[in-house]
Protein backbone atom coordinates (compact mmCIF):
# COMPACT_ATOMS: atom_id res chain seq x y z
CA MET A 1 121.97 40.93 100.75
CA LYS A 2 123.28 44.47 101.14
CA GLY A 3 121.57 46.51 103.84
CA THR A 4 119.91 43.57 105.56
CA ILE A 5 120.42 41.52 108.68
CA ASP A 6 119.62 37.88 109.37
CA ILE A 7 116.75 37.06 111.73
CA LYS A 8 116.19 33.62 113.24
CA ILE A 9 112.95 32.49 114.93
CA ASP A 10 112.80 28.86 116.02
CA ASP A 11 114.29 27.01 113.03
CA VAL A 12 113.35 29.65 110.45
CA LYS A 13 115.70 32.30 109.06
CA PHE A 14 114.83 35.43 107.05
CA GLN A 15 116.15 38.93 106.47
CA LEU A 16 115.07 42.42 107.55
CA GLN A 17 116.50 45.89 107.12
CA GLU A 18 116.90 46.23 110.90
CA GLU A 19 116.35 44.39 114.18
CA HIS A 20 112.78 43.84 115.34
CA ASP A 21 111.21 42.21 118.40
CA PHE A 22 109.19 39.12 117.48
CA GLY A 23 109.05 37.70 120.99
CA TRP A 24 105.25 37.79 120.96
CA LEU A 25 105.19 35.01 118.37
CA ALA A 26 106.23 32.48 121.01
CA ASN A 27 102.78 32.76 122.58
CA LEU A 28 101.19 31.57 119.34
CA GLY A 29 103.38 28.50 118.83
CA ARG A 30 106.40 27.36 116.84
CA VAL A 31 107.27 29.22 113.64
CA PHE A 32 107.84 26.69 110.86
CA GLU A 33 107.84 29.03 107.87
CA ALA A 34 108.39 32.73 107.16
CA PHE A 35 107.44 34.80 104.12
CA ALA A 36 109.52 37.97 104.28
CA GLN A 37 110.30 38.74 100.63
CA GLN A 38 107.16 40.69 99.68
CA ASP A 39 107.40 44.40 98.98
CA SER A 40 104.13 45.18 100.81
CA GLY A 41 105.88 45.65 104.15
CA ASN A 42 104.09 42.62 105.60
CA ILE A 43 105.93 39.62 106.96
CA SER A 44 103.96 36.40 107.29
CA PHE A 45 104.50 33.27 109.35
CA GLY A 46 103.29 29.72 109.42
CA ILE A 47 102.86 28.79 113.08
CA GLU A 48 102.10 25.39 114.62
CA LYS A 49 100.77 24.64 118.09
CA ASN A 50 99.16 21.49 119.45
CA SER A 51 99.13 19.94 115.96
CA GLY A 52 97.18 22.89 114.57
CA LYS A 53 98.45 25.53 112.15
CA ILE A 54 97.72 29.22 111.61
CA PHE A 55 98.92 31.87 109.19
CA VAL A 56 99.95 35.21 110.71
CA LYS A 57 100.45 38.37 108.68
CA TYR A 58 102.38 41.10 110.52
CA ALA A 59 103.10 44.75 109.70
CA GLY A 60 105.56 46.90 111.63
CA ALA A 61 108.98 45.54 110.71
CA LYS A 62 111.13 46.69 107.80
CA SER A 63 111.16 43.74 105.42
CA ALA A 64 114.08 43.52 103.03
CA ALA A 65 112.13 44.51 99.89
CA PHE A 66 109.93 47.21 101.48
CA SER A 67 110.61 50.83 100.54
CA GLY A 68 107.85 52.48 102.59
CA THR A 69 107.51 53.11 106.31
CA PRO A 70 106.34 50.52 108.86
CA GLN A 71 103.43 52.80 109.74
CA ASP A 72 102.26 52.71 106.11
CA ALA A 73 102.20 48.92 106.23
CA ILE A 74 100.43 48.94 109.61
CA ASN A 75 97.73 51.27 108.31
CA ASN A 76 97.20 49.18 105.17
CA LEU A 77 96.88 45.97 107.15
CA LYS A 78 94.49 47.51 109.69
CA ASN A 79 92.32 48.93 106.92
CA ALA A 80 92.17 45.54 105.22
CA MET A 81 90.61 43.75 108.17
CA SER A 82 87.10 44.97 107.39
CA LEU A 83 87.53 43.61 103.85
CA TYR A 84 88.21 40.08 105.05
CA LYS A 85 85.09 40.26 107.20
CA GLU A 86 82.74 41.78 104.65
CA LEU A 87 84.07 39.68 101.77
CA SER A 88 84.27 36.41 103.71
CA HIS A 89 83.83 33.62 101.19
CA PRO A 90 84.73 29.92 100.78
CA SER A 91 87.35 30.87 98.17
CA LEU A 92 89.08 33.41 100.45
CA ILE A 93 91.38 32.51 103.34
CA LYS A 94 89.52 32.95 106.63
CA LEU A 95 90.40 35.68 109.11
CA ILE A 96 90.39 34.50 112.75
CA ASP A 97 91.60 37.53 114.68
CA HIS A 98 93.57 40.77 114.40
CA TYR A 99 95.16 43.06 116.97
CA GLU A 100 97.95 45.46 117.86
CA VAL A 101 101.02 43.72 119.19
CA GLY A 102 104.39 45.20 120.16
CA SER A 103 105.11 48.05 117.77
CA GLY A 104 103.05 46.56 114.95
CA TYR A 105 99.81 44.89 113.92
CA ALA A 106 98.99 41.21 113.38
CA ALA A 107 96.25 39.41 111.48
CA VAL A 108 95.65 35.72 112.18
CA PHE A 109 94.15 33.46 109.51
CA GLU A 110 93.23 29.80 109.26
CA TRP A 111 96.04 27.85 107.66
CA PHE A 112 95.48 26.73 104.07
CA ASP A 113 97.91 24.10 102.85
CA GLY A 114 98.51 25.70 99.47
CA GLU A 115 101.49 27.01 97.52
CA SER A 116 101.77 30.47 95.98
CA LEU A 117 101.45 30.48 92.20
CA HIS A 118 103.93 33.36 92.06
CA PRO A 119 106.77 32.58 94.51
CA HIS A 120 109.17 34.93 92.76
CA TRP A 121 111.64 34.76 95.65
CA SER A 122 112.12 31.00 95.09
CA PHE A 123 111.45 30.74 91.36
CA PRO A 124 112.20 34.05 89.65
CA PRO A 125 111.45 34.22 85.92
CA PRO A 126 112.20 32.23 83.87
CA ALA A 127 112.41 29.51 86.55
CA LYS A 128 108.75 30.10 87.47
CA TYR A 129 107.80 28.83 84.00
CA THR A 130 110.46 26.17 83.43
CA ASP A 131 111.41 24.59 86.76
CA PRO A 132 109.33 21.43 87.42
CA ASN A 133 109.46 22.25 91.14
CA SER A 134 107.82 25.65 90.61
CA PRO A 135 104.17 25.72 91.80
CA PHE A 136 103.21 27.71 88.69
CA TYR A 137 104.87 25.17 86.40
CA ARG A 138 103.09 22.32 88.18
CA PHE A 139 99.77 24.15 88.05
CA LYS A 140 100.14 24.76 84.31
CA HIS A 141 100.66 21.02 83.86
CA LEU A 142 97.36 20.15 85.52
CA SER A 143 94.55 19.21 83.19
CA VAL A 144 92.46 21.96 81.62
CA THR A 145 89.50 20.65 83.62
CA GLN A 146 91.36 21.06 86.91
CA ARG A 147 92.44 24.59 86.00
CA LEU A 148 88.90 25.50 84.97
CA ILE A 149 87.71 24.50 88.43
CA SER A 150 90.28 26.87 89.96
CA LEU A 151 89.18 29.68 87.63
CA ASP A 152 85.56 29.08 88.59
CA HIS A 153 86.48 29.66 92.25
CA ILE A 154 88.31 32.87 91.30
CA TYR A 155 85.45 34.14 89.15
CA THR A 156 82.75 33.20 91.66
CA PHE A 157 84.59 35.13 94.36
CA HIS A 158 85.03 38.23 92.23
CA GLU A 159 81.40 38.15 91.16
CA PHE A 160 80.64 38.19 94.88
CA VAL A 161 83.10 41.09 95.38
CA GLU A 162 81.24 43.00 92.69
CA GLU A 163 77.84 42.25 94.25
CA LYS A 164 79.11 43.57 97.59
CA GLY A 165 80.11 46.87 95.97
CA PHE A 166 83.90 46.48 95.79
CA VAL A 167 86.59 46.36 93.10
CA ALA A 168 89.68 44.19 93.09
CA ILE A 169 92.99 46.06 93.22
CA ASP A 170 96.39 44.32 93.07
CA PHE A 171 94.98 40.89 92.16
CA TYR A 172 97.48 38.67 90.33
CA ASP A 173 98.82 35.11 90.50
CA GLY A 174 100.66 36.03 93.71
CA SER A 175 97.20 36.36 95.28
CA LEU A 176 96.54 32.67 94.65
CA LEU A 177 97.36 29.59 96.71
CA HIS A 178 96.84 26.11 95.30
CA ASP A 179 96.64 22.88 97.29
CA PHE A 180 97.83 20.24 94.82
CA SER A 181 96.72 17.33 97.01
CA LYS A 182 93.09 18.53 96.95
CA ASN A 183 93.18 20.55 93.71
CA GLU A 184 91.80 23.52 95.62
CA THR A 185 92.60 27.18 94.99
CA LYS A 186 92.07 30.07 97.41
CA ILE A 187 92.62 33.80 97.24
CA CYS A 188 95.05 34.91 99.95
CA ASP A 189 95.43 38.68 99.54
CA ILE A 190 92.65 41.28 99.15
CA ASP A 191 94.36 43.96 101.25
CA LEU A 192 94.04 46.71 98.64
CA TYR A 193 90.52 46.01 97.34
CA GLN A 194 88.38 49.16 97.38
CA ARG A 195 84.75 50.10 97.77
CA ARG A 196 83.08 51.56 94.68
CA PRO A 197 83.09 54.19 93.34
CA TYR A 198 86.87 54.23 93.15
CA CYS A 199 88.99 56.61 91.10
CA ASN A 200 92.63 56.07 90.12
CA SER A 201 94.43 58.71 92.15
CA MET A 202 97.95 57.33 91.61
CA GLY A 203 98.53 57.07 87.86
CA ARG A 204 99.95 53.57 88.10
CA LEU A 205 97.99 51.58 90.64
CA TRP A 206 99.39 48.75 92.73
CA GLY A 207 99.66 45.42 90.97
CA SER A 208 101.36 43.31 88.34
CA SER A 209 101.21 44.84 84.86
CA ARG A 210 100.49 41.33 83.51
CA PHE A 211 96.99 41.60 85.01
CA MET A 212 96.28 45.34 84.81
CA SER A 213 93.91 47.18 82.49
CA PRO A 214 94.84 50.45 80.74
CA GLU A 215 92.74 52.45 83.19
CA GLU A 216 94.89 51.18 86.05
CA PHE A 217 97.70 53.26 84.55
CA SER A 218 95.55 56.35 83.91
CA LEU A 219 95.29 59.07 86.53
CA GLY A 220 91.67 59.94 87.22
CA ALA A 221 90.19 56.86 85.53
CA GLU A 222 87.25 55.09 87.12
CA ILE A 223 88.10 51.60 88.40
CA ASP A 224 84.99 49.45 88.24
CA GLY A 225 83.54 46.09 87.25
CA CYS A 226 84.67 46.55 83.65
CA THR A 227 88.21 47.01 84.97
CA ASN A 228 87.93 43.75 86.88
CA VAL A 229 86.64 42.03 83.74
CA PHE A 230 90.06 42.76 82.23
CA THR A 231 91.76 41.30 85.31
CA MET A 232 89.66 38.13 85.12
CA GLY A 233 90.47 37.75 81.42
CA ALA A 234 94.17 38.26 82.11
CA THR A 235 93.91 35.58 84.79
CA ALA A 236 92.49 33.17 82.22
CA PHE A 237 95.44 33.83 79.90
CA ALA A 238 97.88 33.35 82.79
CA LEU A 239 96.40 29.99 83.81
CA LEU A 240 95.24 28.61 80.45
CA GLY A 241 97.27 30.46 77.85
CA GLY A 242 100.49 32.30 77.12
CA GLU A 243 100.03 35.01 79.77
CA ARG A 244 101.20 38.18 77.95
CA ASP A 245 101.07 36.33 74.62
CA ARG A 246 97.30 36.21 74.18
CA SER A 247 97.32 34.51 70.79
CA PHE A 248 95.10 31.49 70.19
CA GLU A 249 98.26 29.52 69.41
CA HIS A 250 99.15 29.42 73.11
CA TRP A 251 95.58 28.91 74.38
CA GLU A 252 94.68 25.47 75.78
CA ALA A 253 90.92 25.57 76.35
CA GLY A 254 89.21 25.77 72.96
CA ARG A 255 87.86 28.51 70.74
CA GLU A 256 84.67 29.23 72.73
CA LEU A 257 86.50 30.18 75.92
CA TYR A 258 89.22 31.98 73.99
CA GLU A 259 86.67 34.33 72.47
CA VAL A 260 85.32 35.19 75.93
CA ALA A 261 88.80 35.74 77.38
CA ILE A 262 90.08 37.87 74.47
CA ARG A 263 87.02 40.12 74.65
CA ALA A 264 87.60 40.56 78.38
CA VAL A 265 91.14 41.92 77.85
CA ASN A 266 90.25 44.35 75.09
CA PRO A 267 92.22 47.56 75.76
CA ASN A 268 89.08 49.53 74.86
CA ARG A 269 86.81 49.09 77.87
CA GLU A 270 83.76 49.81 75.70
CA ASN A 271 84.38 46.48 73.94
CA ARG A 272 84.66 44.39 77.12
CA TYR A 273 81.87 42.86 79.17
CA ASP A 274 80.25 45.48 81.37
CA SER A 275 80.64 43.55 84.63
CA VAL A 276 82.25 40.50 86.17
CA SER A 277 78.77 38.99 86.36
CA ASP A 278 78.29 39.39 82.59
CA PHE A 279 81.76 38.00 81.97
CA LYS A 280 81.14 34.97 84.17
CA SER A 281 77.79 34.25 82.50
CA ALA A 282 79.50 34.23 79.10
CA TRP A 283 82.38 32.15 80.46
CA ASP A 284 80.07 29.56 82.04
CA LEU A 285 78.08 29.23 78.81
CA ALA A 286 81.30 28.72 76.84
CA VAL A 287 82.45 26.04 79.30
CA LYS A 288 79.12 24.28 78.86
CA LEU A 289 79.21 24.51 75.06
CA ALA A 290 82.78 23.27 74.97
CA ASP A 291 81.87 20.44 77.37
CA LEU A 292 85.21 20.80 79.14
CA LEU A 293 84.11 19.84 82.64
CA ASN A 294 82.62 16.45 81.77
């Protein structure tokens, strides 16, 4: 890759824009995996020591896809630490520690043995959708019941986020890890979630357009629970339907749930559910009426 250099730590290789000192990682254990392709400026590591594993997210190095400054990434990661504490939940990866180290900042999490549902660096579209080895492909071939359980974890967490007075920003399938051996899904990235009230001061907010409401593209728009209703509906279409194609033809979970999901992604926010709580109540009732979890 043009403009990058190869970095090797233990048996793991990845690329950066320039040299960086990762000597401090040796104190944590052996690096067995690196995630350096994200454009957030964070580089993450799977580390093993004494038969235990941890996940370390680090800001301060110039990752290959990052266009900002290391200090921007450091500030974002530092600011996110209070979120992981205040929004601690069984469906969110668990923060263990965080601290300044070297010229950067590190956050240490419990290891969750899941795979990203949007590993675009390994399975870029269309491979994400067609390659049987792609985690997203494998997830989409789970039963509807199994996928509904994952969605329930996602919705329960975001109802909790709403109750705590926050809104989800930059949530998409890349925020999800799935453990196929246990059929368990966890959220792994809430770094840009914001406390309400929150106003769109950017024009186009962070995130994947596949999951974003119209107000997330509108400078000055309020970002609230109704916004997150759209995101939750878009998540349903990603995991149970045709993603951007939101026709019933590509929907796999029956008419009752389709009607809830299609209302949630209405471009006119006045026609959506008012809150994630209202959305989840309607969703749960539709699941019960459709008898999909029995």
